[in-house]
């Protein structure tokens, strides 16, 4: 009997830890010291929207968390007291039942909260660009696009996707972006935002741009299957200090990466200090940003963390701006 009771306590403790004390919310590791241009106006419009329903759901979640913590503590206290005094242990079932009900109600409320949050993020994304939409599923062929980009040329064992954005750029190019987590059998390869933009013109070369902090891993620079890539020194000293270009065709890379693109890439990194990679290959532009999840609600304090939304705005507008500049250059580019 004692063994069974101990197992019950351990199981309850695990459930409280898993679903109550440690819900799947992560904290942004990148804190922006400078607000992106145009963000304050967009965020003001966003905050003027009606969000009373999701805020009410958040309060219910916090209530169930508090009840679950209190009932779990009550269960442990009553259980220990009745056991030491040799009282009827059935009294300890009362807080246990309350705890079980609280956990079930929390999970049901959390499911509702996630659906409401999808609509919230969709509204914010469409304030950035009305041609973009947000959902919580991957787009077709996303893993194939990621592997084709040859960021690090490792064989993946898992590829998890959430928080996807899809639509088109101003020039009607297909746009996809998602928070992804990619691993091999031995290591976590990448966690952050991955994007693909499909152009209407093909580039017969492969060019990769890395921020300097990624250079400590050789595969980020060259890659096991890209032995033909060479480091290309660009005609911009400030750019070369913080970003590195590799390509199998120097002429193509210098035609594509004109001075305005180099300055914009350099400005973005110096301003926000977000590590990223951009790959131009075929008719696609791939990029990945080494940040934690962009769309993470906070239970304590303001539901919509301004830094998280500013980071999302900065990255999405950065991709769109690069594509617009690249599109202008490629209109003069001969395959």
Protein backbone atom coordinates (compact mmCIF):
# COMPACT_ATOMS: atom_id res chain seq x y z
CA UNK A 1 0.00 0.00 0.00
CA UNK A 2 2.80 2.41 0.90
CA UNK A 3 4.56 1.78 -2.41
CA UNK A 4 1.35 2.55 -4.31
CA UNK A 5 0.88 5.80 -2.41
CA UNK A 6 4.46 6.89 -3.14
CA UNK A 7 3.93 6.16 -6.83
CA UNK A 8 0.77 8.28 -6.77
CA UNK A 9 2.70 11.19 -5.21
CA UNK A 10 5.48 10.90 -7.80
CA UNK A 11 3.00 10.76 -10.66
CA UNK A 12 1.12 13.81 -9.40
CA UNK A 13 4.38 15.69 -8.91
CA UNK A 14 5.42 14.90 -12.49
CA UNK A 15 2.06 16.08 -13.90
CA UNK A 16 2.27 19.33 -11.95
CA UNK A 17 5.83 19.92 -13.19
CA UNK A 18 5.07 18.97 -16.79
CA UNK A 19 1.81 20.78 -17.38
CA UNK A 20 1.57 23.44 -14.69
CA UNK A 21 4.95 24.64 -13.47
CA UNK A 22 6.74 24.24 -16.82
CA UNK A 23 4.31 24.95 -19.68
CA UNK A 24 5.91 25.20 -23.08
CA UNK A 25 6.75 28.88 -23.09
CA UNK A 26 10.28 29.94 -23.92
CA UNK A 27 12.04 33.26 -23.36
CA UNK A 28 13.51 35.32 -26.16
CA UNK A 29 17.31 35.28 -26.01
CA UNK A 30 17.69 38.24 -28.36
CA UNK A 31 16.80 41.58 -26.79
CA UNK A 32 16.60 44.46 -29.24
CA UNK A 33 18.19 47.66 -27.98
CA UNK A 34 16.95 49.59 -31.03
CA UNK A 35 13.33 49.60 -32.21
CA UNK A 36 12.98 48.83 -35.94
CA UNK A 37 11.86 51.71 -38.15
CA UNK A 38 8.09 51.66 -38.58
CA UNK A 39 7.50 49.15 -35.79
CA UNK A 40 6.01 51.55 -33.25
CA UNK A 41 3.25 52.52 -35.68
CA UNK A 42 2.44 48.88 -36.47
CA UNK A 43 2.52 47.86 -32.80
CA UNK A 44 0.24 50.76 -31.87
CA UNK A 45 -2.31 49.61 -34.47
CA UNK A 46 -1.96 46.07 -33.16
CA UNK A 47 -2.60 47.09 -29.55
CA UNK A 48 -5.69 49.05 -30.62
CA UNK A 49 -7.35 45.80 -31.76
CA UNK A 50 -9.83 43.91 -29.59
CA UNK A 51 -8.17 41.13 -27.56
CA UNK A 52 -10.50 40.82 -24.57
CA UNK A 53 -11.34 37.17 -25.28
CA UNK A 54 -7.75 35.88 -25.22
CA UNK A 55 -6.92 38.02 -22.19
CA UNK A 56 -9.87 36.45 -20.36
CA UNK A 57 -8.60 32.99 -21.34
CA UNK A 58 -5.17 33.87 -20.01
CA UNK A 59 -6.65 34.83 -16.62
CA UNK A 60 -8.44 31.46 -16.45
CA UNK A 61 -5.16 29.66 -17.17
CA UNK A 62 -3.40 31.53 -14.37
CA UNK A 63 -6.31 30.72 -12.03
CA UNK A 64 -6.07 26.99 -12.80
CA UNK A 65 -2.29 27.08 -12.32
CA UNK A 66 -2.69 28.66 -8.87
CA UNK A 67 -5.40 26.16 -7.88
CA UNK A 68 -3.26 23.26 -9.10
CA UNK A 69 -0.23 24.39 -7.13
CA UNK A 70 -2.27 24.96 -3.98
CA UNK A 71 -4.11 21.63 -4.28
CA UNK A 72 -0.86 19.74 -4.91
CA UNK A 73 0.66 21.29 -1.79
CA UNK A 74 -2.52 20.50 0.15
CA UNK A 75 -2.41 16.92 -1.05
CA UNK A 76 1.17 16.43 0.10
CA UNK A 77 0.52 18.05 3.48
CA UNK A 78 -2.67 16.06 4.14
CA UNK A 79 -1.09 12.85 2.91
CA UNK A 80 1.97 13.22 5.16
CA UNK A 81 -0.15 14.30 8.17
CA UNK A 82 -2.67 11.44 7.87
CA UNK A 83 0.07 8.90 7.25
CA UNK A 84 2.15 9.94 10.28
CA UNK A 85 -0.94 10.05 12.52
CA UNK A 86 -2.31 6.78 11.10
CA UNK A 87 -5.53 8.51 10.08
CA UNK A 88 -7.70 7.48 7.16
CA UNK A 89 -5.68 8.27 4.02
CA UNK A 90 -8.85 8.75 2.00
CA UNK A 91 -8.94 12.38 3.20
CA UNK A 92 -5.92 13.04 1.02
CA UNK A 93 -7.98 12.16 -2.05
CA UNK A 94 -9.97 15.41 -1.82
CA UNK A 95 -7.11 17.75 -2.82
CA UNK A 96 -5.94 15.10 -5.28
CA UNK A 97 -9.31 15.20 -7.03
CA UNK A 98 -9.20 19.01 -7.06
CA UNK A 99 -5.72 18.85 -8.58
CA UNK A 100 -6.82 16.40 -11.28
CA UNK A 101 -9.79 18.60 -12.22
CA UNK A 102 -7.59 21.72 -12.29
CA UNK A 103 -5.09 20.04 -14.61
CA UNK A 104 -7.83 18.91 -17.00
CA UNK A 105 -9.42 22.38 -17.04
CA UNK A 106 -6.02 23.99 -17.57
CA UNK A 107 -5.26 21.76 -20.55
CA UNK A 108 -8.65 22.45 -22.12
CA UNK A 109 -8.21 26.19 -21.58
CA UNK A 110 -4.67 26.06 -22.94
CA UNK A 111 -5.94 24.37 -26.11
CA UNK A 112 -8.46 27.18 -26.55
CA UNK A 113 -5.75 29.75 -25.81
CA UNK A 114 -3.48 28.39 -28.56
CA UNK A 115 -6.26 28.68 -31.16
CA UNK A 116 -6.97 32.25 -30.07
CA UNK A 117 -3.28 33.12 -30.21
CA UNK A 118 -3.07 31.96 -33.84
CA UNK A 119 -5.65 34.62 -34.74
CA UNK A 120 -3.73 37.23 -32.74
CA UNK A 121 -0.45 36.57 -34.57
CA UNK A 122 -2.25 36.46 -37.91
CA UNK A 123 -3.49 40.01 -37.30
CA UNK A 124 0.02 41.20 -36.45
CA UNK A 125 1.60 39.54 -39.51
CA UNK A 126 -0.99 41.09 -41.80
CA UNK A 127 -0.24 44.51 -40.35
CA UNK A 128 3.35 43.97 -41.52
CA UNK A 129 2.24 42.82 -44.96
CA UNK A 130 -1.41 42.10 -45.93
CA UNK A 131 -0.20 39.51 -48.47
CA UNK A 132 1.09 37.25 -45.65
CA UNK A 133 -0.87 34.80 -43.54
CA UNK A 134 -0.05 32.86 -40.37
CA UNK A 135 -0.90 29.33 -39.29
CA UNK A 136 0.53 26.64 -37.04
CA UNK A 137 1.41 24.00 -39.65
CA UNK A 138 4.28 23.50 -42.07
CA UNK A 139 4.05 24.18 -45.79
CA UNK A 140 4.53 21.49 -48.43
CA UNK A 141 8.16 20.59 -49.09
CA UNK A 142 9.58 22.73 -46.29
CA UNK A 143 12.16 20.15 -45.20
CA UNK A 144 13.22 19.66 -48.82
CA UNK A 145 13.79 23.40 -49.17
CA UNK A 146 15.85 23.39 -45.98
CA UNK A 147 18.03 20.52 -47.16
CA UNK A 148 18.45 22.10 -50.62
CA UNK A 149 19.77 25.27 -48.99
CA UNK A 150 22.79 23.25 -47.72
CA UNK A 151 23.30 25.46 -44.68
CA UNK A 152 25.38 22.83 -42.90
CA UNK A 153 24.97 19.69 -45.05
CA UNK A 154 24.07 17.34 -42.21
CA UNK A 155 21.66 14.42 -42.42
CA UNK A 156 18.65 15.28 -40.26
CA UNK A 157 16.83 12.82 -38.05
CA UNK A 158 14.07 15.20 -36.92
CA UNK A 159 12.57 18.33 -38.45
CA UNK A 160 9.89 19.97 -36.34
CA UNK A 161 7.88 22.94 -37.59
CA UNK A 162 5.52 25.44 -35.98
CA UNK A 163 4.39 29.02 -36.46
CA UNK A 164 4.43 29.20 -40.25
CA UNK A 165 3.98 32.33 -42.36
CA UNK A 166 3.09 32.06 -46.04
CA UNK A 167 2.01 34.36 -48.82
CA UNK A 168 3.73 36.58 -51.31
CA UNK A 169 6.10 39.52 -51.44
CA UNK A 170 5.30 42.88 -53.04
CA UNK A 171 6.57 41.47 -56.36
CA UNK A 172 4.31 38.41 -55.99
CA UNK A 173 7.10 35.95 -55.17
CA UNK A 174 6.06 33.02 -52.98
CA UNK A 175 7.13 33.56 -49.37
CA UNK A 176 7.40 30.92 -46.63
CA UNK A 177 8.83 31.16 -43.12
CA UNK A 178 8.59 28.98 -40.02
CA UNK A 179 10.03 28.40 -36.60
CA UNK A 180 11.85 25.08 -36.95
CA UNK A 181 13.94 22.73 -34.86
CA UNK A 182 16.31 20.43 -36.76
CA UNK A 183 18.46 17.71 -35.21
CA UNK A 184 20.70 14.85 -36.24
CA UNK A 185 21.03 11.65 -34.22
CA UNK A 186 23.81 13.28 -32.17
CA UNK A 187 23.23 17.04 -32.05
CA UNK A 188 20.81 19.93 -32.27
CA UNK A 189 21.60 21.43 -35.68
CA UNK A 190 19.38 24.50 -35.71
CA UNK A 191 16.55 26.15 -33.83
CA UNK A 192 15.12 29.40 -35.12
CA UNK A 193 13.37 30.96 -38.10
CA UNK A 194 13.85 29.48 -41.58
CA UNK A 195 12.47 31.16 -44.70
CA UNK A 196 12.22 30.44 -48.42
CA UNK A 197 11.34 32.89 -51.18
CA UNK A 198 10.83 31.54 -54.71
CA UNK A 199 11.83 33.95 -57.48
CA UNK A 200 10.93 33.95 -61.17
CA UNK A 201 14.55 33.94 -62.36
CA UNK A 202 17.24 31.31 -61.95
CA UNK A 203 20.81 31.96 -60.74
CA UNK A 204 23.30 29.39 -62.03
CA UNK A 205 25.46 29.54 -58.89
CA UNK A 206 25.43 28.99 -55.16
CA UNK A 207 26.21 31.86 -52.78
CA UNK A 208 26.11 31.78 -48.98
CA UNK A 209 26.38 34.69 -46.54
CA UNK A 210 27.23 34.09 -42.87
CA UNK A 211 27.49 36.43 -39.93
CA UNK A 212 30.94 36.29 -38.37
CA UNK A 213 29.89 34.46 -35.19
CA UNK A 214 28.96 31.37 -37.22
CA UNK A 215 32.44 30.95 -38.62
CA UNK A 216 33.71 28.92 -35.69
CA UNK A 217 31.95 25.89 -37.20
CA UNK A 218 33.50 25.02 -40.55
CA UNK A 219 30.32 23.56 -42.03
CA UNK A 220 28.57 26.91 -41.61
CA UNK A 221 31.27 28.46 -43.74
CA UNK A 222 31.70 25.88 -46.48
CA UNK A 223 29.85 22.64 -45.89
CA UNK A 224 30.81 19.06 -46.56
CA UNK A 225 29.22 18.92 -50.02
CA UNK A 226 30.25 22.40 -51.12
CA UNK A 227 33.98 21.90 -51.62
CA UNK A 228 33.89 24.25 -54.63
CA UNK A 229 32.83 27.22 -52.53
CA UNK A 230 35.42 29.93 -52.08
CA UNK A 231 35.53 32.91 -49.78
CA UNK A 232 34.68 36.07 -51.72
CA UNK A 233 36.02 39.33 -50.35
CA UNK A 234 33.50 42.08 -51.10
CA UNK A 235 34.26 45.72 -51.92
CA UNK A 236 33.01 46.90 -48.55
CA UNK A 237 35.38 46.81 -45.58
CA UNK A 238 32.63 47.28 -42.99
CA UNK A 239 30.72 44.35 -44.48
CA UNK A 240 33.76 42.05 -44.55
CA UNK A 241 34.35 42.67 -40.83
CA UNK A 242 31.02 41.16 -39.76
CA UNK A 243 29.75 39.05 -42.68
CA UNK A 244 31.45 36.51 -44.94
CA UNK A 245 30.45 35.47 -48.45
CA UNK A 246 31.15 32.06 -50.02
CA UNK A 247 30.31 31.17 -53.59
CA UNK A 248 31.17 28.81 -56.45
CA UNK A 249 30.93 31.72 -58.90
CA UNK A 250 32.60 34.99 -57.95
CA UNK A 251 31.13 36.92 -60.89
CA UNK A 252 27.55 35.93 -60.09
CA UNK A 253 27.91 36.70 -56.40
CA UNK A 254 29.30 40.18 -57.03
CA UNK A 255 26.58 40.90 -59.62
CA UNK A 256 23.86 39.88 -57.16
CA UNK A 257 25.35 41.38 -53.99
CA UNK A 258 25.49 45.01 -55.03
CA UNK A 259 26.58 47.77 -52.69
CA UNK A 260 23.05 48.56 -51.45
CA UNK A 261 22.47 44.91 -50.46
CA UNK A 262 25.85 44.70 -48.71
CA UNK A 263 25.12 47.88 -46.77
CA UNK A 264 21.66 46.65 -45.79
CA UNK A 265 22.94 43.24 -44.60
CA UNK A 266 25.70 44.92 -42.60
CA UNK A 267 23.32 47.48 -41.11
CA UNK A 268 20.87 44.78 -39.98
CA UNK A 269 23.56 42.77 -38.20
CA UNK A 270 25.22 45.78 -36.55
CA UNK A 271 21.84 47.08 -35.43
CA UNK A 272 20.25 43.93 -34.00
CA UNK A 273 23.17 41.45 -33.56
CA UNK A 274 21.08 38.54 -34.79
CA UNK A 275 23.14 35.72 -36.30
CA UNK A 276 21.83 34.66 -39.68
CA UNK A 277 22.66 32.96 -42.98
CA UNK A 278 21.35 33.79 -46.44
CA UNK A 279 21.70 31.46 -49.43
CA UNK A 280 21.06 32.31 -53.09
CA UNK A 281 20.70 29.18 -55.19
CA UNK A 282 18.71 28.43 -58.32
CA UNK A 283 15.50 30.46 -58.20
CA UNK A 284 15.30 30.50 -54.38
CA UNK A 285 16.55 32.67 -51.56
CA UNK A 286 16.87 30.79 -48.28
CA UNK A 287 17.62 32.32 -44.90
CA UNK A 288 17.75 31.19 -41.31
CA UNK A 289 17.96 33.27 -38.16
CA UNK A 290 19.41 31.95 -34.92
CA UNK A 291 16.68 33.07 -32.55
CA UNK A 292 14.29 31.23 -30.28
CA UNK A 293 10.61 31.05 -31.18
CA UNK A 294 9.26 34.34 -32.48
CA UNK A 295 5.69 33.87 -31.33
CA UNK A 296 5.77 33.10 -27.62
CA UNK A 297 3.03 34.42 -25.32
CA UNK A 298 3.87 35.45 -21.77
CA UNK A 299 1.62 34.55 -18.84
CA UNK A 300 3.24 36.98 -16.41
CA UNK A 301 2.75 40.65 -17.24
CA UNK A 302 1.80 41.86 -20.73
CA UNK A 303 0.53 39.05 -22.95
CA UNK A 304 2.23 40.57 -25.99
CA UNK A 305 5.91 41.12 -25.27
CA UNK A 306 7.03 44.16 -27.27
CA UNK A 307 10.58 42.84 -27.76
CA UNK A 308 9.33 39.58 -29.27
CA UNK A 309 7.05 41.38 -31.68
CA UNK A 310 9.79 43.87 -32.57
CA UNK A 311 12.16 41.00 -33.35
CA UNK A 312 9.54 39.35 -35.55
CA UNK A 313 8.91 42.65 -37.34
CA UNK A 314 12.64 43.27 -37.86
CA UNK A 315 13.28 39.82 -39.38
CA UNK A 316 10.22 39.69 -41.63
CA UNK A 317 10.77 43.21 -42.99
CA UNK A 318 14.47 42.39 -43.46
CA UNK A 319 13.65 39.37 -45.64
CA UNK A 320 11.10 41.34 -47.67
CA UNK A 321 13.53 44.21 -48.20
CA UNK A 322 16.34 41.89 -49.30
CA UNK A 323 14.02 40.21 -51.79
CA UNK A 324 12.93 43.55 -53.21
CA UNK A 325 16.55 44.68 -53.65
CA UNK A 326 17.53 41.32 -55.12
CA UNK A 327 14.58 41.40 -57.49
CA UNK A 328 15.65 44.79 -58.80
CA UNK A 329 19.19 43.49 -59.39
CA UNK A 330 18.03 40.31 -61.09
CA UNK A 331 15.94 42.23 -63.57
CA UNK A 332 19.29 43.14 -65.16
CA UNK A 333 20.90 39.76 -64.52
CA UNK A 334 21.60 37.41 -67.41
CA UNK A 335 21.53 33.68 -66.65
